[in-house]
N, C-alpha and C. Protein backbone atom coordinates (compact mmCIF):
# COMPACT_ATOMS: atom_id res chain seq x y z
N UNK A 1 0.81 -1.20 0.00
CA UNK A 1 0.00 0.00 0.00
C UNK A 1 0.86 1.27 0.00
N UNK A 2 2.08 1.19 0.51
CA UNK A 2 2.94 2.38 0.48
C UNK A 2 3.05 2.92 -0.94
N UNK A 3 3.37 2.02 -1.86
CA UNK A 3 3.60 2.42 -3.24
C UNK A 3 2.32 2.93 -3.88
N UNK A 4 1.22 2.21 -3.69
CA UNK A 4 -0.05 2.60 -4.29
C UNK A 4 -0.49 3.98 -3.81
N UNK A 5 -0.34 4.25 -2.53
CA UNK A 5 -0.76 5.56 -2.02
C UNK A 5 0.16 6.68 -2.50
N UNK A 6 1.44 6.44 -2.55
CA UNK A 6 2.33 7.45 -3.13
C UNK A 6 1.91 7.77 -4.56
N UNK A 7 1.67 6.73 -5.35
CA UNK A 7 1.32 6.95 -6.75
C UNK A 7 -0.05 7.58 -6.91
N UNK A 8 -0.98 7.26 -6.02
CA UNK A 8 -2.29 7.91 -6.08
C UNK A 8 -2.16 9.41 -5.82
N UNK A 9 -1.38 9.78 -4.84
CA UNK A 9 -1.19 11.21 -4.56
C UNK A 9 -0.41 11.89 -5.68
N UNK A 10 0.59 11.24 -6.21
CA UNK A 10 1.37 11.82 -7.30
C UNK A 10 0.50 12.02 -8.55
N UNK A 11 -0.50 11.17 -8.73
CA UNK A 11 -1.40 11.29 -9.88
C UNK A 11 -2.24 12.57 -9.83
N UNK A 12 -2.32 13.21 -8.68
CA UNK A 12 -3.04 14.48 -8.56
C UNK A 12 -2.27 15.65 -9.18
N UNK A 13 -1.06 15.42 -9.65
CA UNK A 13 -0.20 16.50 -10.12
C UNK A 13 0.17 16.30 -11.59
N UNK A 14 0.19 17.41 -12.32
CA UNK A 14 0.51 17.35 -13.74
C UNK A 14 1.94 16.86 -13.95
N UNK A 15 2.14 16.13 -15.00
CA UNK A 15 3.46 15.66 -15.45
C UNK A 15 4.33 15.09 -14.32
N UNK A 16 3.68 14.37 -13.40
CA UNK A 16 4.41 13.71 -12.31
C UNK A 16 4.23 12.21 -12.47
N UNK A 17 5.30 11.52 -12.76
CA UNK A 17 5.24 10.08 -13.02
C UNK A 17 5.08 9.27 -11.73
N UNK A 18 4.62 8.06 -11.91
CA UNK A 18 4.56 7.12 -10.80
C UNK A 18 5.98 6.75 -10.37
N UNK A 19 6.09 6.27 -9.16
CA UNK A 19 7.37 5.77 -8.66
C UNK A 19 7.30 4.25 -8.57
N UNK A 20 8.45 3.61 -8.54
CA UNK A 20 8.56 2.17 -8.40
C UNK A 20 9.10 1.83 -7.01
N UNK A 21 8.85 0.60 -6.59
CA UNK A 21 9.34 0.12 -5.29
C UNK A 21 10.81 -0.27 -5.41
N UNK A 22 11.58 0.08 -4.39
CA UNK A 22 13.01 -0.24 -4.33
C UNK A 22 13.26 -0.95 -3.01
N UNK A 23 13.49 -2.25 -3.07
CA UNK A 23 13.65 -3.04 -1.85
C UNK A 23 14.87 -2.60 -1.05
N UNK A 24 15.92 -2.17 -1.72
CA UNK A 24 17.10 -1.67 -1.01
C UNK A 24 16.73 -0.46 -0.15
N UNK A 25 15.93 0.46 -0.71
CA UNK A 25 15.48 1.62 0.07
C UNK A 25 14.57 1.19 1.22
N UNK A 26 13.73 0.17 0.99
CA UNK A 26 12.86 -0.34 2.05
C UNK A 26 13.69 -0.97 3.17
N UNK A 27 14.73 -1.70 2.81
CA UNK A 27 15.60 -2.29 3.83
C UNK A 27 16.29 -1.21 4.66
N UNK A 28 16.76 -0.16 3.99
CA UNK A 28 17.37 0.97 4.70
C UNK A 28 16.34 1.63 5.62
N UNK A 29 15.10 1.75 5.15
CA UNK A 29 14.04 2.34 5.97
C UNK A 29 13.79 1.51 7.22
N UNK A 30 13.80 0.18 7.08
CA UNK A 30 13.59 -0.68 8.24
C UNK A 30 14.74 -0.57 9.23
N UNK A 31 15.96 -0.50 8.74
CA UNK A 31 17.10 -0.32 9.64
C UNK A 31 16.93 0.97 10.44
N UNK A 32 16.50 2.02 9.78
CA UNK A 32 16.28 3.31 10.47
C UNK A 32 15.16 3.19 11.49
N UNK A 33 14.05 2.57 11.10
CA UNK A 33 12.90 2.45 12.00
C UNK A 33 13.22 1.59 13.21
N UNK A 34 14.05 0.58 13.04
CA UNK A 34 14.39 -0.31 14.15
C UNK A 34 15.24 0.37 15.21
N UNK A 35 15.82 1.50 14.90
CA UNK A 35 16.59 2.25 15.89
C UNK A 35 15.68 2.94 16.91
N UNK A 36 14.39 3.08 16.55
CA UNK A 36 13.39 3.70 17.44
C UNK A 36 13.84 5.08 17.93
N UNK A 37 14.49 5.81 17.06
CA UNK A 37 14.88 7.19 17.35
C UNK A 37 14.32 8.07 16.25
N UNK A 38 13.58 9.10 16.62
CA UNK A 38 12.94 9.97 15.65
C UNK A 38 13.95 10.98 15.12
N UNK A 39 14.77 10.52 14.16
CA UNK A 39 15.76 11.41 13.56
C UNK A 39 16.10 10.90 12.16
N UNK A 40 16.44 11.83 11.28
CA UNK A 40 16.82 11.45 9.93
C UNK A 40 18.11 10.65 9.95
N UNK A 41 18.17 9.66 9.07
CA UNK A 41 19.33 8.77 9.02
C UNK A 41 19.95 8.73 7.63
N UNK A 42 19.59 9.69 6.77
CA UNK A 42 20.06 9.63 5.38
C UNK A 42 21.20 10.60 5.07
N UNK A 43 21.81 11.18 6.08
CA UNK A 43 22.91 12.11 5.85
C UNK A 43 24.03 11.43 5.06
N UNK A 44 24.44 12.06 3.98
CA UNK A 44 25.50 11.51 3.15
C UNK A 44 25.06 10.40 2.21
N UNK A 45 23.79 10.09 2.19
CA UNK A 45 23.27 9.03 1.32
C UNK A 45 22.69 9.65 0.05
N UNK A 46 22.40 8.82 -0.93
CA UNK A 46 21.91 9.30 -2.22
C UNK A 46 20.38 9.28 -2.31
N UNK A 47 19.70 9.40 -1.19
CA UNK A 47 18.24 9.41 -1.21
C UNK A 47 17.70 10.41 -0.19
N UNK A 48 16.47 10.86 -0.46
CA UNK A 48 15.76 11.71 0.49
C UNK A 48 14.99 10.85 1.47
N UNK A 49 14.41 11.48 2.49
CA UNK A 49 13.76 10.70 3.54
C UNK A 49 12.63 11.47 4.19
N UNK A 50 11.51 10.79 4.37
CA UNK A 50 10.42 11.27 5.22
C UNK A 50 10.30 10.31 6.38
N UNK A 51 9.94 10.83 7.54
CA UNK A 51 9.70 9.96 8.69
C UNK A 51 8.50 10.50 9.44
N UNK A 52 7.84 9.62 10.15
CA UNK A 52 6.70 10.02 10.95
C UNK A 52 6.51 9.04 12.09
N UNK A 53 5.84 9.52 13.12
CA UNK A 53 5.53 8.64 14.24
C UNK A 53 4.07 8.82 14.61
N UNK A 54 3.48 7.75 15.12
CA UNK A 54 2.08 7.79 15.53
C UNK A 54 1.87 6.76 16.62
N UNK A 55 0.77 6.90 17.31
CA UNK A 55 0.46 5.97 18.39
C UNK A 55 0.08 4.61 17.82
N UNK A 56 0.18 3.59 18.67
CA UNK A 56 -0.21 2.24 18.28
C UNK A 56 -1.65 2.27 17.77
N UNK A 57 -1.96 1.41 16.85
CA UNK A 57 -3.29 1.34 16.28
C UNK A 57 -3.43 2.15 15.01
N UNK A 58 -2.46 3.00 14.73
CA UNK A 58 -2.48 3.74 13.48
C UNK A 58 -2.13 2.80 12.34
N UNK A 59 -2.53 3.17 11.15
CA UNK A 59 -2.25 2.34 9.98
C UNK A 59 -1.02 2.86 9.26
N UNK A 60 -0.14 1.95 8.85
CA UNK A 60 1.09 2.35 8.16
C UNK A 60 0.83 3.27 6.97
N UNK A 61 -0.07 2.92 6.04
CA UNK A 61 -0.23 3.78 4.87
C UNK A 61 -0.71 5.18 5.20
N UNK A 62 -1.32 5.37 6.36
CA UNK A 62 -1.77 6.71 6.74
C UNK A 62 -0.61 7.68 6.84
N UNK A 63 0.59 7.18 7.03
CA UNK A 63 1.75 8.06 7.05
C UNK A 63 1.91 8.76 5.70
N UNK A 64 1.65 8.05 4.61
CA UNK A 64 1.76 8.64 3.28
C UNK A 64 0.78 9.80 3.15
N UNK A 65 -0.44 9.59 3.60
CA UNK A 65 -1.44 10.66 3.54
C UNK A 65 -1.09 11.80 4.48
N UNK A 66 -0.49 11.48 5.62
CA UNK A 66 -0.03 12.54 6.52
C UNK A 66 1.01 13.40 5.81
N UNK A 67 1.95 12.76 5.11
CA UNK A 67 2.95 13.52 4.36
C UNK A 67 2.26 14.39 3.31
N UNK A 68 1.37 13.79 2.55
CA UNK A 68 0.73 14.51 1.44
C UNK A 68 -0.18 15.64 1.93
N UNK A 69 -0.82 15.44 3.05
CA UNK A 69 -1.77 16.45 3.54
C UNK A 69 -1.12 17.77 3.90
N UNK A 70 0.20 17.83 3.91
CA UNK A 70 0.87 19.12 4.09
C UNK A 70 0.61 20.05 2.91
N UNK A 71 -0.02 19.54 1.86
CA UNK A 71 -0.37 20.37 0.71
C UNK A 71 -1.24 21.55 1.15
N UNK A 72 -1.99 21.37 2.23
CA UNK A 72 -2.87 22.44 2.70
C UNK A 72 -2.09 23.68 3.11
N UNK A 73 -0.81 23.53 3.45
CA UNK A 73 0.04 24.66 3.83
C UNK A 73 0.94 25.13 2.70
N UNK A 74 0.84 24.50 1.54
CA UNK A 74 1.76 24.80 0.45
C UNK A 74 1.32 26.01 -0.39
N UNK A 75 0.09 26.46 -0.21
CA UNK A 75 -0.50 27.52 -1.04
C UNK A 75 0.41 28.63 -1.51
N UNK A 76 1.10 29.35 -0.62
CA UNK A 76 1.91 30.48 -1.09
C UNK A 76 3.20 30.08 -1.81
N UNK A 77 3.50 28.80 -1.88
CA UNK A 77 4.78 28.38 -2.44
C UNK A 77 4.70 27.79 -3.85
N UNK A 78 3.47 27.67 -4.40
CA UNK A 78 3.35 27.18 -5.77
C UNK A 78 4.17 28.08 -6.68
N UNK A 79 4.93 27.50 -7.59
CA UNK A 79 5.74 28.21 -8.59
C UNK A 79 6.89 29.00 -7.98
N UNK A 80 7.22 28.75 -6.73
CA UNK A 80 8.37 29.40 -6.10
C UNK A 80 9.56 28.45 -6.17
N UNK A 81 10.74 29.02 -6.28
CA UNK A 81 11.94 28.19 -6.35
C UNK A 81 12.39 27.65 -5.00
N UNK A 82 11.96 28.29 -3.92
CA UNK A 82 12.35 27.85 -2.58
C UNK A 82 11.15 27.88 -1.65
N UNK A 83 11.21 27.08 -0.61
CA UNK A 83 10.19 27.06 0.43
C UNK A 83 10.90 27.15 1.77
N UNK A 84 10.18 27.56 2.84
CA UNK A 84 10.84 27.64 4.14
C UNK A 84 11.23 26.26 4.66
N UNK A 85 12.35 26.19 5.32
CA UNK A 85 12.82 24.94 5.90
C UNK A 85 12.24 24.73 7.30
N UNK A 86 11.40 25.66 7.75
CA UNK A 86 10.79 25.57 9.07
C UNK A 86 9.27 25.56 8.90
N UNK A 87 8.56 26.07 9.86
CA UNK A 87 7.10 26.08 9.83
C UNK A 87 6.58 27.04 8.79
N UNK A 88 5.45 26.77 8.13
CA UNK A 88 4.73 25.50 8.25
C UNK A 88 5.47 24.40 7.50
N UNK A 89 5.37 23.21 8.01
CA UNK A 89 6.08 22.10 7.40
C UNK A 89 5.39 21.67 6.11
N UNK A 90 6.12 21.72 5.02
CA UNK A 90 5.62 21.26 3.73
C UNK A 90 6.61 20.30 3.07
N UNK A 91 7.72 20.03 3.74
CA UNK A 91 8.80 19.28 3.11
C UNK A 91 8.49 17.79 2.94
N UNK A 92 7.59 17.23 3.77
CA UNK A 92 7.17 15.84 3.55
C UNK A 92 6.36 15.76 2.26
N UNK A 93 5.43 16.72 2.09
CA UNK A 93 4.61 16.78 0.88
C UNK A 93 5.49 16.93 -0.36
N UNK A 94 6.40 17.90 -0.33
CA UNK A 94 7.21 18.14 -1.52
C UNK A 94 8.08 16.94 -1.87
N UNK A 95 8.62 16.25 -0.87
CA UNK A 95 9.42 15.05 -1.16
C UNK A 95 8.54 13.97 -1.78
N UNK A 96 7.33 13.79 -1.28
CA UNK A 96 6.45 12.72 -1.78
C UNK A 96 6.05 12.92 -3.24
N UNK A 97 5.95 14.18 -3.70
CA UNK A 97 5.52 14.44 -5.07
C UNK A 97 6.65 14.96 -5.96
N UNK A 98 7.87 14.99 -5.47
CA UNK A 98 9.01 15.52 -6.22
C UNK A 98 9.14 14.79 -7.56
N UNK A 99 9.08 15.53 -8.65
CA UNK A 99 9.03 14.93 -9.98
C UNK A 99 10.26 14.08 -10.30
N UNK A 100 11.42 14.43 -9.81
CA UNK A 100 12.64 13.69 -10.13
C UNK A 100 12.82 12.42 -9.29
N UNK A 101 11.92 12.17 -8.36
CA UNK A 101 11.97 10.93 -7.59
C UNK A 101 11.44 9.80 -8.47
N UNK A 102 12.17 8.69 -8.52
CA UNK A 102 11.77 7.56 -9.36
C UNK A 102 11.46 6.29 -8.58
N UNK A 103 12.06 6.13 -7.39
CA UNK A 103 11.82 4.93 -6.59
C UNK A 103 11.68 5.29 -5.12
N UNK A 104 10.95 4.45 -4.41
CA UNK A 104 10.76 4.63 -2.97
C UNK A 104 10.91 3.28 -2.27
N UNK A 105 11.14 3.35 -0.97
CA UNK A 105 11.12 2.18 -0.10
C UNK A 105 10.76 2.63 1.29
N UNK A 106 9.78 1.98 1.90
CA UNK A 106 9.27 2.42 3.20
C UNK A 106 9.18 1.25 4.17
N UNK A 107 9.17 1.56 5.45
CA UNK A 107 9.03 0.53 6.49
C UNK A 107 8.55 1.17 7.78
N UNK A 108 7.91 0.36 8.60
CA UNK A 108 7.43 0.78 9.92
C UNK A 108 7.91 -0.20 10.96
N UNK A 109 8.24 0.32 12.13
CA UNK A 109 8.64 -0.53 13.25
C UNK A 109 7.82 -0.15 14.48
N UNK A 110 7.47 -1.17 15.26
CA UNK A 110 6.79 -0.96 16.53
C UNK A 110 7.84 -0.61 17.57
N UNK A 111 7.75 0.60 18.09
CA UNK A 111 8.72 1.09 19.09
C UNK A 111 8.04 1.28 20.44
N UNK A 112 7.34 0.25 20.90
CA UNK A 112 6.65 0.34 22.19
C UNK A 112 5.30 1.00 22.03
N UNK A 113 5.16 2.21 22.54
CA UNK A 113 3.88 2.92 22.44
C UNK A 113 3.71 3.62 21.10
N UNK A 114 4.74 3.64 20.29
CA UNK A 114 4.71 4.38 19.03
C UNK A 114 5.06 3.49 17.85
N UNK A 115 4.51 3.83 16.70
CA UNK A 115 4.96 3.28 15.43
C UNK A 115 5.85 4.33 14.79
N UNK A 116 6.98 3.91 14.30
CA UNK A 116 7.91 4.81 13.64
C UNK A 116 8.07 4.35 12.20
N UNK A 117 7.78 5.25 11.26
CA UNK A 117 7.84 4.92 9.83
C UNK A 117 8.85 5.80 9.12
N UNK A 118 9.52 5.20 8.17
CA UNK A 118 10.46 5.91 7.29
C UNK A 118 10.12 5.57 5.85
N UNK A 119 10.20 6.57 4.98
CA UNK A 119 10.17 6.37 3.54
C UNK A 119 11.41 7.02 2.96
N UNK A 120 12.11 6.27 2.13
CA UNK A 120 13.30 6.77 1.45
C UNK A 120 12.99 6.97 -0.02
N UNK A 121 13.55 8.03 -0.60
CA UNK A 121 13.21 8.45 -1.96
C UNK A 121 14.47 8.64 -2.79
N UNK A 122 14.52 7.96 -3.94
CA UNK A 122 15.63 8.16 -4.87
C UNK A 122 15.03 8.65 -6.17
N UNK A 123 15.38 9.68 -6.86
CA UNK A 123 16.21 10.77 -6.52
C UNK A 123 15.63 11.62 -5.40
N UNK A 124 16.50 12.07 -4.59
CA UNK A 124 16.07 12.88 -3.45
C UNK A 124 15.46 14.21 -3.90
N UNK A 125 14.66 14.78 -3.02
CA UNK A 125 14.01 16.05 -3.33
C UNK A 125 14.41 17.14 -2.37
N UNK A 126 13.63 18.21 -2.41
CA UNK A 126 13.79 19.36 -1.52
C UNK A 126 15.11 20.09 -1.72
N UNK A 127 15.45 20.32 -2.98
CA UNK A 127 16.63 21.12 -3.30
C UNK A 127 16.23 22.57 -3.52
N UNK A 128 16.88 23.48 -2.80
CA UNK A 128 16.62 24.91 -2.97
C UNK A 128 16.82 25.28 -4.43
N UNK A 129 15.93 26.11 -4.92
CA UNK A 129 16.00 26.57 -6.30
C UNK A 129 15.35 25.64 -7.30
N UNK A 130 14.84 24.47 -6.84
CA UNK A 130 14.28 23.49 -7.77
C UNK A 130 12.81 23.16 -7.50
N UNK A 131 12.19 23.85 -6.55
CA UNK A 131 10.80 23.52 -6.19
C UNK A 131 9.83 23.79 -7.33
N UNK A 132 9.95 24.93 -7.99
CA UNK A 132 9.00 25.29 -9.06
C UNK A 132 9.00 24.24 -10.16
N UNK A 133 10.14 23.66 -10.44
CA UNK A 133 10.25 22.65 -11.50
C UNK A 133 9.80 21.27 -11.03
N UNK A 134 9.90 20.96 -9.75
CA UNK A 134 9.69 19.60 -9.25
C UNK A 134 8.41 19.38 -8.46
N UNK A 135 7.70 20.43 -8.09
CA UNK A 135 6.40 20.28 -7.42
C UNK A 135 5.36 20.80 -8.39
N UNK A 136 4.74 19.88 -9.11
CA UNK A 136 3.84 20.25 -10.21
C UNK A 136 2.47 20.70 -9.71
N UNK A 137 1.80 21.46 -10.56
CA UNK A 137 0.44 21.93 -10.27
C UNK A 137 -0.50 20.75 -10.10
N UNK A 138 -1.60 21.00 -9.40
CA UNK A 138 -2.66 20.00 -9.30
C UNK A 138 -3.35 19.85 -10.65
N UNK A 139 -3.83 18.65 -10.93
CA UNK A 139 -4.61 18.44 -12.14
C UNK A 139 -5.96 19.13 -11.98
N UNK A 140 -6.72 19.22 -13.06
CA UNK A 140 -7.98 19.96 -13.05
C UNK A 140 -8.98 19.42 -12.04
N UNK A 141 -9.07 18.11 -11.90
CA UNK A 141 -10.02 17.50 -10.97
C UNK A 141 -9.31 16.53 -10.04
N UNK A 142 -8.55 17.05 -9.08
CA UNK A 142 -7.82 16.15 -8.18
C UNK A 142 -8.77 15.37 -7.28
N UNK A 143 -8.28 14.26 -6.79
CA UNK A 143 -9.06 13.46 -5.85
C UNK A 143 -9.23 14.25 -4.56
N UNK A 144 -10.31 13.97 -3.80
CA UNK A 144 -10.52 14.69 -2.54
C UNK A 144 -9.40 14.43 -1.55
N UNK A 145 -9.24 15.31 -0.58
CA UNK A 145 -8.23 15.08 0.46
C UNK A 145 -8.54 13.84 1.27
N UNK A 146 -7.51 13.32 1.91
CA UNK A 146 -7.62 12.12 2.71
C UNK A 146 -7.97 12.49 4.15
N UNK A 147 -8.92 11.76 4.71
CA UNK A 147 -9.22 11.88 6.14
C UNK A 147 -8.72 10.60 6.81
N UNK A 148 -7.80 10.73 7.70
CA UNK A 148 -7.28 9.58 8.42
C UNK A 148 -6.98 10.02 9.84
N UNK A 149 -6.72 9.05 10.70
CA UNK A 149 -6.44 9.41 12.09
C UNK A 149 -5.12 10.14 12.23
N UNK A 150 -4.27 10.06 11.22
CA UNK A 150 -3.00 10.77 11.25
C UNK A 150 -3.09 11.95 10.30
N UNK A 151 -2.90 13.14 10.79
CA UNK A 151 -2.86 14.30 9.91
C UNK A 151 -4.17 14.59 9.21
N UNK A 152 -5.30 14.34 9.85
CA UNK A 152 -6.60 14.55 9.22
C UNK A 152 -6.85 16.01 8.88
N UNK A 153 -7.50 16.22 7.78
CA UNK A 153 -7.99 17.54 7.43
C UNK A 153 -9.01 17.38 6.33
N UNK A 154 -9.90 18.32 6.22
CA UNK A 154 -10.91 18.29 5.16
C UNK A 154 -11.37 19.71 4.88
N UNK A 155 -11.76 19.94 3.66
CA UNK A 155 -12.35 21.22 3.30
C UNK A 155 -13.83 20.97 3.07
N UNK A 156 -14.66 21.78 3.68
CA UNK A 156 -16.11 21.65 3.54
C UNK A 156 -16.60 20.27 3.96
N UNK A 157 -15.88 19.60 4.83
CA UNK A 157 -16.32 18.31 5.34
C UNK A 157 -16.21 17.16 4.36
N UNK A 158 -15.65 17.37 3.18
CA UNK A 158 -15.56 16.28 2.20
C UNK A 158 -14.15 15.72 2.18
N UNK A 159 -14.03 14.44 2.41
CA UNK A 159 -12.74 13.78 2.36
C UNK A 159 -12.98 12.30 2.14
N UNK A 160 -11.92 11.59 1.80
CA UNK A 160 -12.01 10.15 1.59
C UNK A 160 -10.95 9.46 2.43
N UNK A 161 -11.14 8.18 2.66
CA UNK A 161 -10.16 7.40 3.42
C UNK A 161 -9.08 6.87 2.47
N UNK A 162 -8.00 6.37 3.05
CA UNK A 162 -6.95 5.74 2.25
C UNK A 162 -7.53 4.64 1.37
N UNK A 163 -8.40 3.81 1.94
CA UNK A 163 -8.99 2.70 1.19
C UNK A 163 -9.84 3.21 0.03
N UNK A 164 -10.63 4.26 0.25
CA UNK A 164 -11.44 4.82 -0.83
C UNK A 164 -10.56 5.38 -1.93
N UNK A 165 -9.45 6.00 -1.56
CA UNK A 165 -8.53 6.55 -2.55
C UNK A 165 -8.02 5.45 -3.47
N UNK A 166 -7.67 4.31 -2.91
CA UNK A 166 -7.11 3.23 -3.71
C UNK A 166 -8.13 2.66 -4.69
N UNK A 167 -9.42 2.84 -4.44
CA UNK A 167 -10.44 2.35 -5.37
C UNK A 167 -10.43 3.11 -6.69
N UNK A 168 -9.82 4.29 -6.71
CA UNK A 168 -9.72 5.04 -7.95
C UNK A 168 -8.70 4.43 -8.90
N UNK A 169 -7.87 3.51 -8.40
CA UNK A 169 -6.76 2.99 -9.20
C UNK A 169 -6.87 1.50 -9.40
């Protein structure tokens, strides 16, 4: 479901190709998640990284929607070459839809009271000066936003679940 949800969200954007699964990146993601430390582990590596944590009972794929739902804060940055590296956080969203990303690998580990998830992205994203070229506009009729227990949001009360989103594909 990691791959399907990434590709479903990427399909909302013009000229943004699907990504493929990379088991090497997934293995690296699991090694990171097994450390049970909420910190980036991709320094000096050839891939980008998103990470998230949630309480037990959360669903792994909801992390993808949590990353993507940062689109709600991206408004003033469309067509800009740079975005802030601080609040509001939009860097998970931009990495998930970065046009030059071709493969992903994700994993989740149970860290006691928390689930810790990592997704690794090759080619990496979030390069200053490259946002306008790599974060594409929304298509004319994008799918509704995702409502999930992680990172929920909705406009006018209309949203769909991760499972409903996958029915479009």
